[in-house]
C-alpha atoms as a PDB file:
ATOM      1  CA  UNK A   1      20.229  61.620 156.982  1.00  0.00           C
ATOM      2  CA  UNK A   2      20.033  65.252 157.748  1.00  0.00           C
ATOM      3  CA  UNK A   3      17.423  66.236 160.392  1.00  0.00           C
ATOM      4  CA  UNK A   4      14.282  67.784 159.051  1.00  0.00           C
ATOM      5  CA  UNK A   5      14.200  71.533 159.248  1.00  0.00           C
ATOM      6  CA  UNK A   6      11.566  72.950 161.570  1.00  0.00           C
ATOM      7  CA  UNK A   7       8.678  74.473 159.690  1.00  0.00           C
ATOM      8  CA  UNK A   8       8.180  78.253 160.009  1.00  0.00           C
ATOM      9  CA  UNK A   9       4.681  77.590 161.545  1.00  0.00           C
ATOM     10  CA  UNK A  10       6.243  75.298 164.198  1.00  0.00           C
ATOM     11  CA  UNK A  11       8.949  78.028 165.016  1.00  0.00           C
ATOM     12  CA  UNK A  12       6.240  80.643 165.237  1.00  0.00           C
ATOM     13  CA  UNK A  13       4.141  78.590 167.606  1.00  0.00           C
ATOM     14  CA  UNK A  14       7.067  77.799 169.812  1.00  0.00           C
ATOM     15  CA  UNK A  15       8.092  81.491 169.896  1.00  0.00           C
ATOM     16  CA  UNK A  16       4.589  82.484 170.719  1.00  0.00           C
ATOM     17  CA  UNK A  17       4.489  79.908 173.545  1.00  0.00           C
ATOM     18  CA  UNK A  18       7.836  81.202 174.873  1.00  0.00           C
ATOM     19  CA  UNK A  19       6.695  84.848 174.711  1.00  0.00           C
ATOM     20  CA  UNK A  20       3.419  83.894 176.550  1.00  0.00           C
ATOM     21  CA  UNK A  21       5.293  82.119 179.338  1.00  0.00           C
ATOM     22  CA  UNK A  22       7.660  85.051 179.745  1.00  0.00           C
ATOM     23  CA  UNK A  23       4.660  87.465 180.026  1.00  0.00           C
ATOM     24  CA  UNK A  24       2.978  85.205 182.532  1.00  0.00           C
ATOM     25  CA  UNK A  25       6.085  84.902 184.671  1.00  0.00           C
ATOM     26  CA  UNK A  26       6.766  88.590 184.493  1.00  0.00           C
ATOM     27  CA  UNK A  27       3.262  89.402 185.662  1.00  0.00           C
ATOM     28  CA  UNK A  28       3.765  87.333 188.812  1.00  0.00           C
ATOM     29  CA  UNK A  29       7.268  88.747 189.471  1.00  0.00           C
ATOM     30  CA  UNK A  30       6.205  92.376 188.824  1.00  0.00           C
ATOM     31  CA  UNK A  31       3.157  91.967 191.101  1.00  0.00           C
ATOM     32  CA  UNK A  32       5.223  90.497 193.933  1.00  0.00           C
ATOM     33  CA  UNK A  33       8.275  92.828 193.761  1.00  0.00           C
ATOM     34  CA  UNK A  34       7.424  95.923 191.746  1.00  0.00           C
ATOM     35  CA  UNK A  35       8.694  96.819 188.281  1.00  0.00           C
ATOM     36  CA  UNK A  36      11.731  98.771 189.420  1.00  0.00           C
ATOM     37  CA  UNK A  37      13.000  95.873 191.639  1.00  0.00           C
ATOM     38  CA  UNK A  38      12.833  93.132 189.013  1.00  0.00           C
ATOM     39  CA  UNK A  39      15.735  91.853 186.821  1.00  0.00           C
ATOM     40  CA  UNK A  40      15.733  90.035 183.570  1.00  0.00           C
ATOM     41  CA  UNK A  41      17.272  87.112 185.283  1.00  0.00           C
ATOM     42  CA  UNK A  42      14.390  86.822 187.762  1.00  0.00           C
ATOM     43  CA  UNK A  43      11.884  86.812 184.957  1.00  0.00           C
ATOM     44  CA  UNK A  44      13.823  84.158 183.096  1.00  0.00           C
ATOM     45  CA  UNK A  45      14.099  82.026 186.227  1.00  0.00           C
ATOM     46  CA  UNK A  46      10.376  82.271 186.930  1.00  0.00           C
ATOM     47  CA  UNK A  47       9.540  81.353 183.404  1.00  0.00           C
ATOM     48  CA  UNK A  48      12.182  78.529 183.219  1.00  0.00           C
ATOM     49  CA  UNK A  49      14.038  80.023 180.310  1.00  0.00           C
ATOM     50  CA  UNK A  50      17.504  81.359 179.531  1.00  0.00           C
ATOM     51  CA  UNK A  51      18.427  84.983 178.830  1.00  0.00           C
ATOM     52  CA  UNK A  52      18.680  83.906 175.212  1.00  0.00           C
ATOM     53  CA  UNK A  53      14.970  83.085 175.158  1.00  0.00           C
ATOM     54  CA  UNK A  54      14.226  86.522 176.682  1.00  0.00           C
ATOM     55  CA  UNK A  55      16.225  88.391 174.099  1.00  0.00           C
ATOM     56  CA  UNK A  56      14.703  86.559 171.265  1.00  0.00           C
ATOM     57  CA  UNK A  57      11.373  88.056 172.240  1.00  0.00           C
ATOM     58  CA  UNK A  58      12.198  91.405 174.036  1.00  0.00           C
ATOM     59  CA  UNK A  59      15.080  93.871 173.706  1.00  0.00           C
ATOM     60  CA  UNK A  60      14.628  95.222 177.255  1.00  0.00           C
ATOM     61  CA  UNK A  61      12.758  94.736 180.437  1.00  0.00           C
ATOM     62  CA  UNK A  62      10.829  97.976 179.668  1.00  0.00           C
ATOM     63  CA  UNK A  63       9.668  96.427 176.360  1.00  0.00           C
ATOM     64  CA  UNK A  64       8.445  93.381 178.221  1.00  0.00           C
ATOM     65  CA  UNK A  65       6.646  95.524 180.754  1.00  0.00           C
ATOM     66  CA  UNK A  66       4.913  97.516 178.036  1.00  0.00           C
ATOM     67  CA  UNK A  67       3.843  94.344 176.217  1.00  0.00           C
ATOM     68  CA  UNK A  68       2.498  92.869 179.471  1.00  0.00           C
ATOM     69  CA  UNK A  69       0.528  96.043 180.249  1.00  0.00           C
ATOM     70  CA  UNK A  70      -0.988  96.272 176.775  1.00  0.00           C
ATOM     71  CA  UNK A  71      -1.982  92.594 176.847  1.00  0.00           C
ATOM     72  CA  UNK A  72      -3.663  92.811 180.210  1.00  0.00           C
ATOM     73  CA  UNK A  73      -5.179  96.206 179.653  1.00  0.00           C
ATOM     74  CA  UNK A  74      -6.710  95.149 176.300  1.00  0.00           C
ATOM     75  CA  UNK A  75      -8.112  91.997 177.964  1.00  0.00           C
ATOM     76  CA  UNK A  76      -9.814  94.087 180.713  1.00  0.00           C
ATOM     77  CA  UNK A  77     -11.189  96.624 178.208  1.00  0.00           C
ATOM     78  CA  UNK A  78     -12.630  93.693 176.200  1.00  0.00           C
ATOM     79  CA  UNK A  79     -14.209  92.107 179.235  1.00  0.00           C
ATOM     80  CA  UNK A  80     -15.793  95.436 180.305  1.00  0.00           C
ATOM     81  CA  UNK A  81     -17.123  95.835 176.732  1.00  0.00           C
ATOM     82  CA  UNK A  82     -18.524  92.292 176.833  1.00  0.00           C
ATOM     83  CA  UNK A  83     -20.119  92.838 180.247  1.00  0.00           C
ATOM     84  CA  UNK A  84     -21.860  95.982 178.980  1.00  0.00           C
ATOM     85  CA  UNK A  85     -23.070  94.332 175.835  1.00  0.00           C
ATOM     86  CA  UNK A  86     -25.095  91.578 177.485  1.00  0.00           C
ATOM     87  CA  UNK A  87     -28.294  93.705 177.763  1.00  0.00           C
ATOM     88  CA  UNK A  88     -30.531  94.707 174.902  1.00  0.00           C
ATOM     89  CA  UNK A  89     -31.241  98.372 174.136  1.00  0.00           C
ATOM     90  CA  UNK A  90     -32.398  98.825 177.683  1.00  0.00           C
ATOM     91  CA  UNK A  91     -29.572  99.180 180.164  1.00  0.00           C
ATOM     92  CA  UNK A  92     -30.111  97.127 183.214  1.00  0.00           C
ATOM     93  CA  UNK A  93     -27.913  99.231 185.488  1.00  0.00           C
ATOM     94  CA  UNK A  94     -27.710  96.998 188.599  1.00  0.00           C
ATOM     95  CA  UNK A  95     -26.957  93.900 186.447  1.00  0.00           C
ATOM     96  CA  UNK A  96     -24.400  95.801 184.258  1.00  0.00           C
ATOM     97  CA  UNK A  97     -22.736  97.284 187.341  1.00  0.00           C
ATOM     98  CA  UNK A  98     -22.397  93.853 188.967  1.00  0.00           C
ATOM     99  CA  UNK A  99     -20.776  92.453 185.825  1.00  0.00           C
ATOM    100  CA  UNK A 100     -18.401  95.390 185.390  1.00  0.00           C
ATOM    101  CA  UNK A 101     -17.278  95.419 189.005  1.00  0.00           C
ATOM    102  CA  UNK A 102     -16.658  91.623 188.867  1.00  0.00           C
ATOM    103  CA  UNK A 103     -14.275  92.242 185.971  1.00  0.00           C
ATOM    104  CA  UNK A 104     -12.559  95.383 187.226  1.00  0.00           C
ATOM    105  CA  UNK A 105     -11.848  94.202 190.782  1.00  0.00           C
ATOM    106  CA  UNK A 106     -11.108  90.531 190.216  1.00  0.00           C
ATOM    107  CA  UNK A 107      -7.339  90.743 190.382  1.00  0.00           C
ATOM    108  CA  UNK A 108      -5.377  92.783 192.876  1.00  0.00           C
ATOM    109  CA  UNK A 109      -2.122  91.712 191.267  1.00  0.00           C
ATOM    110  CA  UNK A 110      -3.203  93.469 188.097  1.00  0.00           C
ATOM    111  CA  UNK A 111      -3.893  96.652 190.123  1.00  0.00           C
ATOM    112  CA  UNK A 112      -0.386  96.471 191.508  1.00  0.00           C
ATOM    113  CA  UNK A 113       1.172  96.184 188.014  1.00  0.00           C
ATOM    114  CA  UNK A 114      -1.076  98.897 186.642  1.00  0.00           C
ATOM    115  CA  UNK A 115      -0.124 101.185 189.450  1.00  0.00           C
ATOM    116  CA  UNK A 116       3.552 100.612 188.732  1.00  0.00           C
ATOM    117  CA  UNK A 117       2.850 101.507 185.129  1.00  0.00           C
ATOM    118  CA  UNK A 118       1.018 104.676 186.183  1.00  0.00           C
ATOM    119  CA  UNK A 119       4.080 105.841 188.284  1.00  0.00           C
ATOM    120  CA  UNK A 120       6.409 104.935 185.397  1.00  0.00           C
ATOM    121  CA  UNK A 121       4.162 106.839 182.882  1.00  0.00           C
ATOM    122  CA  UNK A 122       4.054 109.903 185.145  1.00  0.00           C
ATOM    123  CA  UNK A 123       7.813 110.366 184.575  1.00  0.00           C
ATOM    124  CA  UNK A 124       7.971 109.486 180.917  1.00  0.00           C
ATOM    125  CA  UNK A 125       5.663 111.108 178.328  1.00  0.00           C
ATOM    126  CA  UNK A 126       6.089 108.335 175.782  1.00  0.00           C
ATOM    127  CA  UNK A 127       4.859 105.814 178.356  1.00  0.00           C
ATOM    128  CA  UNK A 128       2.120 108.165 179.367  1.00  0.00           C
ATOM    129  CA  UNK A 129       0.723 107.983 175.859  1.00  0.00           C
ATOM    130  CA  UNK A 130       0.482 104.146 176.067  1.00  0.00           C
ATOM    131  CA  UNK A 131      -1.513 104.551 179.331  1.00  0.00           C
ATOM    132  CA  UNK A 132      -3.719 107.305 177.995  1.00  0.00           C
ATOM    133  CA  UNK A 133      -4.498 105.243 174.889  1.00  0.00           C
ATOM    134  CA  UNK A 134      -5.678 102.428 177.181  1.00  0.00           C
ATOM    135  CA  UNK A 135      -7.794 104.602 179.358  1.00  0.00           C
ATOM    136  CA  UNK A 136      -9.367 106.160 176.248  1.00  0.00           C
ATOM    137  CA  UNK A 137     -10.295 102.652 174.930  1.00  0.00           C
ATOM    138  CA  UNK A 138     -11.818 101.755 178.289  1.00  0.00           C
ATOM    139  CA  UNK A 139     -13.768 104.968 178.451  1.00  0.00           C
ATOM    140  CA  UNK A 140     -14.938 104.464 174.797  1.00  0.00           C
ATOM    141  CA  UNK A 141     -16.359 101.008 175.587  1.00  0.00           C
ATOM    142  CA  UNK A 142     -18.377 102.518 178.457  1.00  0.00           C
ATOM    143  CA  UNK A 143     -19.396 105.645 176.618  1.00  0.00           C
ATOM    144  CA  UNK A 144     -20.529 103.603 173.579  1.00  0.00           C
ATOM    145  CA  UNK A 145     -22.843 101.486 175.788  1.00  0.00           C
ATOM    146  CA  UNK A 146     -24.243 104.553 177.564  1.00  0.00           C
ATOM    147  CA  UNK A 147     -24.798 106.318 174.211  1.00  0.00           C
ATOM    148  CA  UNK A 148     -26.656 103.255 172.803  1.00  0.00           C
ATOM    149  CA  UNK A 149     -28.942 103.186 175.869  1.00  0.00           C
ATOM    150  CA  UNK A 150     -30.094 106.789 175.284  1.00  0.00           C
ATOM    151  CA  UNK A 151     -33.805 106.953 174.650  1.00  0.00           C
ATOM    152  CA  UNK A 152     -34.398 103.484 176.193  1.00  0.00           C
ATOM    153  CA  UNK A 153     -33.037 103.850 179.745  1.00  0.00           C
ATOM    154  CA  UNK A 154     -32.894 106.886 182.173  1.00  0.00           C
ATOM    155  CA  UNK A 155     -29.257 107.905 182.457  1.00  0.00           C
ATOM    156  CA  UNK A 156     -27.538 110.735 184.333  1.00  0.00           C
ATOM    157  CA  UNK A 157     -26.406 113.914 182.612  1.00  0.00           C
ATOM    158  CA  UNK A 158     -22.958 113.691 184.204  1.00  0.00           C
ATOM    159  CA  UNK A 159     -21.105 116.745 182.848  1.00  0.00           C
ATOM    160  CA  UNK A 160     -23.429 116.607 179.836  1.00  0.00           C
ATOM    161  CA  UNK A 161     -22.753 113.583 177.677  1.00  0.00           C
ATOM    162  CA  UNK A 162     -21.939 109.884 177.542  1.00  0.00           C
ATOM    163  CA  UNK A 163     -18.206 110.425 177.315  1.00  0.00           C
ATOM    164  CA  UNK A 164     -18.240 112.509 180.472  1.00  0.00           C
ATOM    165  CA  UNK A 165     -20.315 109.894 182.277  1.00  0.00           C
ATOM    166  CA  UNK A 166     -17.735 107.315 181.185  1.00  0.00           C
ATOM    167  CA  UNK A 167     -14.967 109.493 182.654  1.00  0.00           C
ATOM    168  CA  UNK A 168     -16.883 109.623 185.951  1.00  0.00           C
ATOM    169  CA  UNK A 169     -17.184 105.776 185.977  1.00  0.00           C
ATOM    170  CA  UNK A 170     -13.427 105.420 185.450  1.00  0.00           C
ATOM    171  CA  UNK A 171     -12.703 108.078 188.121  1.00  0.00           C
ATOM    172  CA  UNK A 172     -14.904 106.130 190.587  1.00  0.00           C
ATOM    173  CA  UNK A 173     -12.966 102.994 189.741  1.00  0.00           C
ATOM    174  CA  UNK A 174      -9.652 104.740 190.328  1.00  0.00           C
ATOM    175  CA  UNK A 175     -10.603 105.934 193.708  1.00  0.00           C
ATOM    176  CA  UNK A 176     -11.971 102.645 194.953  1.00  0.00           C
ATOM    177  CA  UNK A 177      -8.944 100.738 193.694  1.00  0.00           C
ATOM    178  CA  UNK A 178      -6.574 103.038 195.583  1.00  0.00           C
ATOM    179  CA  UNK A 179      -8.229 101.971 198.814  1.00  0.00           C
ATOM    180  CA  UNK A 180      -8.278  98.324 197.708  1.00  0.00           C
ATOM    181  CA  UNK A 181      -4.446  98.364 197.218  1.00  0.00           C
ATOM    182  CA  UNK A 182      -4.053  99.380 200.844  1.00  0.00           C
ATOM    183  CA  UNK A 183      -6.610  97.226 202.658  1.00  0.00           C
ATOM    184  CA  UNK A 184      -6.836  94.264 200.178  1.00  0.00           C
ATOM    185  CA  UNK A 185     -10.577  93.961 200.969  1.00  0.00           C
ATOM    186  CA  UNK A 186     -11.900  92.983 197.543  1.00  0.00           C
ATOM    187  CA  UNK A 187     -15.505  92.429 198.622  1.00  0.00           C
ATOM    188  CA  UNK A 188     -15.707  95.818 200.350  1.00  0.00           C
ATOM    189  CA  UNK A 189     -14.176  97.422 197.284  1.00  0.00           C
ATOM    190  CA  UNK A 190     -16.637  95.764 194.959  1.00  0.00           C
ATOM    191  CA  UNK A 191     -19.552  96.844 197.111  1.00  0.00           C
ATOM    192  CA  UNK A 192     -18.415 100.426 197.223  1.00  0.00           C
ATOM    193  CA  UNK A 193     -17.731 100.560 193.454  1.00  0.00           C
ATOM    194  CA  UNK A 194     -21.221  99.074 192.846  1.00  0.00           C
ATOM    195  CA  UNK A 195     -22.797 101.731 195.041  1.00  0.00           C
ATOM    196  CA  UNK A 196     -20.892 104.551 193.377  1.00  0.00           C
ATOM    197  CA  UNK A 197     -21.594 103.398 189.847  1.00  0.00           C
ATOM    198  CA  UNK A 198     -25.246 102.821 190.585  1.00  0.00           C
ATOM    199  CA  UNK A 199     -25.514 106.290 192.070  1.00  0.00           C
ATOM    200  CA  UNK A 200     -23.852 107.816 189.049  1.00  0.00           C
ATOM    201  CA  UNK A 201     -25.986 105.962 186.477  1.00  0.00           C
ATOM    202  CA  UNK A 202     -29.383 106.270 188.242  1.00  0.00           C
ATOM    203  CA  UNK A 203     -29.718 109.859 189.484  1.00  0.00           C
ATOM    204  CA  UNK A 204     -32.942 110.373 187.552  1.00  0.00           C
ATOM    205  CA  UNK A 205     -31.735 112.846 184.899  1.00  0.00           C
ATOM    206  CA  UNK A 206     -30.852 112.046 181.284  1.00  0.00           C
ATOM    207  CA  UNK A 207     -27.860 112.374 179.062  1.00  0.00           C
ATOM    208  CA  UNK A 208     -28.947 114.803 176.343  1.00  0.00           C
ATOM    209  CA  UNK A 209     -29.700 113.272 172.921  1.00  0.00           C
END
């Protein structure tokens, strides 16, 4: 009797599982060694797969790196949006800041990978567009929440509107995480980010309607 052929659904699930394991392994290897020092063989070894499994999912190491970045960046943006959506029309700034800093500073390994991607993007305009798209989505999630709070909660008029306020929030995050990468003090970074964001969002003025 001929062996039963694998169903397309089973093949798809298996391929998705392989891809997920490769991405998880790559994340660990990139965080430990840096993108420019990692080989396909090292990713395959960490995932427990052959090069054939790698090439059935990714054409190059660059493609895997971009896929990993997009996956993690979209996850973070979604978590920030969820953290900001937990209040009603009124924005509870201290509670929202606590939730956002918990999400943004939870994983130093992610910051290492993100910094590698930033350096890579600075030298390649096509890669830079991917990074800019992510940052725009993150800012949009924050700006949308600030805009929805107008008229209900006192908010700062940072550079004049909600989008500019969101840019200030992301800039504060960038500065604090640079220090975090050097001293690895997550609690100190979280405390400083909370102070900066609270100061930005509670200076007593309002974003214009």
